[in-house]
Amino acid sequence: MDNIKIRRAKSSDIDALMPQILIFEEQHAVYDGGYLTDKYRENAKEDLKRDIKKKYFWVAELNKKVIGFVKAEISDFHSDRLIIDDLFVEADFRKQGIGAKLISYVEESFKKEKGIKEACLWVAKQNINAEGFYKGLGFKFQEDIWKKYLKEL
């Protein structure tokens, strides 16, 4: 899709992004074996406003409609490492190269402007589609050195 525009997210995008953010977070909650709490939903809009101001946050736009987003940051521990936090494309627009375009745009921007040498991300084990997608973009699995511990309170 050549008519996709990638640009920095703006506060005026919040209403368009909110349903996407909630779908994205709901999917991740399922992977974690949980669900989105009412408290999370109440705070989601303020969290989104903060992320747009403080993080690197881009949207994919088609005919002035936001159809996806990517959030990224520079690693606190490795100043030459880009961490891709979140990637989302609306279901009707998937498998059309938009996610790849978002990732490529972010990678090239960070490489050119910040001297980033590598990109990293995490994928839920159950998210087989995402695994294949990222492998197709050249990401290689590295055994996770961290183990997750959870305690219910």
Protein backbone atom coordinates (compact mmCIF):
# COMPACT_ATOMS: atom_id res chain seq x y z
CA MET A 1 0.00 0.00 0.00
CA ASP A 2 1.82 3.03 -1.28
CA ASN A 3 -0.68 5.57 0.05
CA ILE A 4 0.07 4.77 3.71
CA LYS A 5 1.52 7.71 5.56
CA ILE A 6 3.70 7.15 8.65
CA ARG A 7 3.94 10.10 11.02
CA ARG A 8 4.48 10.96 14.67
CA ALA A 9 1.37 10.54 16.79
CA LYS A 10 -0.28 13.74 17.99
CA SER A 11 -2.66 14.44 20.84
CA SER A 12 -5.40 14.90 18.23
CA ASP A 13 -5.02 11.15 17.41
CA ILE A 14 -6.10 10.02 20.88
CA ASP A 15 -9.76 9.36 20.05
CA ALA A 16 -8.77 7.30 16.97
CA LEU A 17 -6.08 5.41 18.90
CA MET A 18 -8.10 4.52 22.01
CA PRO A 19 -10.06 1.60 20.49
CA GLN A 20 -6.82 0.25 18.96
CA ILE A 21 -4.95 0.54 22.26
CA LEU A 22 -7.71 -1.33 24.10
CA ILE A 23 -7.81 -4.13 21.49
CA PHE A 24 -4.01 -4.39 21.63
CA GLU A 25 -3.92 -4.49 25.44
CA GLU A 26 -6.83 -6.94 25.60
CA GLN A 27 -4.90 -9.32 23.33
CA HIS A 28 -1.83 -9.05 25.54
CA ALA A 29 -3.85 -9.58 28.69
CA VAL A 30 -5.15 -12.84 27.22
CA TYR A 31 -1.58 -13.95 26.48
CA ASP A 32 -0.71 -13.21 30.10
CA GLY A 33 -3.66 -15.30 31.27
CA GLY A 34 -5.68 -12.34 32.51
CA TYR A 35 -7.95 -9.57 31.38
CA LEU A 36 -7.99 -5.79 31.35
CA THR A 37 -9.17 -4.36 34.64
CA ASP A 38 -11.65 -1.52 34.93
CA LYS A 39 -8.87 0.53 36.50
CA TYR A 40 -6.69 0.00 33.43
CA ARG A 41 -9.52 1.06 31.15
CA GLU A 42 -10.12 4.18 33.25
CA ASN A 43 -6.45 5.16 33.05
CA ALA A 44 -5.83 4.15 29.43
CA LYS A 45 -6.54 7.57 27.94
CA GLU A 46 -4.19 9.36 30.34
CA ASP A 47 -1.54 6.69 29.73
CA LEU A 48 -1.91 7.19 26.00
CA LYS A 49 -1.55 10.97 26.34
CA ARG A 50 1.62 10.45 28.36
CA ASP A 51 3.03 7.95 25.86
CA ILE A 52 2.44 10.30 22.94
CA LYS A 53 4.36 13.04 24.77
CA LYS A 54 7.17 10.94 26.26
CA LYS A 55 7.75 7.97 23.95
CA TYR A 56 8.53 7.58 20.31
CA PHE A 57 5.08 6.92 18.92
CA TRP A 58 4.09 6.78 15.25
CA VAL A 59 0.84 6.09 13.46
CA ALA A 60 0.02 4.62 10.07
CA GLU A 61 -2.59 6.67 8.30
CA LEU A 62 -4.66 5.83 5.22
CA ASN A 63 -6.87 8.55 3.77
CA LYS A 64 -6.49 10.52 7.03
CA LYS A 65 -7.67 7.54 9.12
CA VAL A 66 -5.32 6.08 11.73
CA ILE A 67 -5.14 2.35 11.05
CA GLY A 68 -2.19 1.33 13.20
CA PHE A 69 0.66 2.39 15.44
CA VAL A 70 4.10 1.56 16.72
CA LYS A 71 5.68 2.63 20.02
CA ALA A 72 9.41 2.40 20.62
CA GLU A 73 12.16 3.64 22.89
CA ILE A 74 15.91 3.56 23.29
CA SER A 75 17.14 1.00 25.79
CA ASP A 76 18.13 2.37 29.18
CA PHE A 77 21.01 -0.11 29.26
CA HIS A 78 22.20 -0.10 25.64
CA SER A 79 22.14 3.34 24.03
CA ASP A 80 22.53 1.80 20.57
CA ARG A 81 19.50 -0.51 20.96
CA LEU A 82 15.99 0.29 19.85
CA ILE A 83 13.21 -1.43 21.80
CA ILE A 84 9.98 -1.85 19.89
CA ASP A 85 7.34 -1.79 22.61
CA ASP A 86 4.07 -2.14 20.73
CA LEU A 87 2.93 -2.68 17.15
CA PHE A 88 -0.70 -2.77 16.09
CA VAL A 89 -2.52 -2.73 12.75
CA GLU A 90 -6.31 -2.88 12.52
CA ALA A 91 -7.56 -6.33 11.50
CA ASP A 92 -8.99 -5.16 8.15
CA PHE A 93 -5.57 -3.82 7.12
CA ARG A 94 -3.33 -6.69 8.21
CA LYS A 95 -1.23 -8.75 5.78
CA GLN A 96 -0.82 -5.72 3.50
CA GLY A 97 2.69 -4.69 4.56
CA ILE A 98 1.62 -1.91 6.94
CA GLY A 99 3.20 -3.44 10.05
CA ALA A 100 6.42 -4.00 8.11
CA LYS A 101 6.31 -0.40 6.90
CA LEU A 102 5.87 0.89 10.48
CA ILE A 103 8.79 -1.21 11.75
CA SER A 104 11.02 -0.24 8.82
CA TYR A 105 10.23 3.45 9.28
CA VAL A 106 11.11 3.33 12.97
CA GLU A 107 14.29 1.34 12.39
CA GLU A 108 15.55 3.67 9.67
CA SER A 109 14.65 6.80 11.65
CA PHE A 110 16.50 5.62 14.74
CA LYS A 111 19.46 4.35 12.74
CA LYS A 112 19.85 7.68 10.94
CA GLU A 113 19.05 10.08 13.79
CA LYS A 114 20.27 8.19 16.87
CA GLY A 115 22.93 5.80 15.58
CA ILE A 116 20.96 2.75 16.67
CA LYS A 117 22.65 -0.51 15.70
CA GLU A 118 20.06 -3.09 16.70
CA ALA A 119 16.37 -3.48 17.40
CA CYS A 120 14.79 -5.79 19.92
CA LEU A 121 11.29 -6.79 20.96
CA TRP A 122 9.44 -9.43 22.93
CA VAL A 123 6.65 -11.65 21.64
CA ALA A 124 4.26 -13.74 23.71
CA LYS A 125 4.94 -17.46 23.16
CA GLN A 126 1.32 -17.96 22.12
CA ASN A 127 1.51 -15.24 19.45
CA ILE A 128 2.66 -17.49 16.59
CA ASN A 129 1.57 -15.02 13.89
CA ALA A 130 3.73 -12.27 15.36
CA GLU A 131 6.70 -14.63 15.63
CA GLY A 132 6.50 -15.43 11.93
CA PHE A 133 6.02 -11.77 11.05
CA TYR A 134 9.11 -10.63 12.96
CA LYS A 135 11.24 -13.49 11.66
CA GLY A 136 10.21 -12.40 8.16
CA LEU A 137 11.58 -8.93 8.96
CA GLY A 138 14.95 -10.39 9.93
CA PHE A 139 14.54 -10.63 13.69
CA LYS A 140 16.20 -13.70 15.16
CA PHE A 141 15.06 -15.46 18.32
CA GLN A 142 17.49 -15.23 21.19
CA GLU A 143 16.92 -17.44 24.19
CA ASP A 144 15.42 -15.37 26.93
CA ILE A 145 17.77 -14.98 29.87
CA TRP A 146 14.96 -13.74 32.09
CA LYS A 147 12.39 -15.85 33.82
CA LYS A 148 9.03 -14.41 34.71
CA TYR A 149 7.77 -14.79 38.27
CA LEU A 150 4.24 -13.88 39.25
CA LYS A 151 2.63 -13.67 42.66
CA GLU A 152 -1.09 -13.15 43.09
CA LEU A 153 -2.00 -10.81 45.94
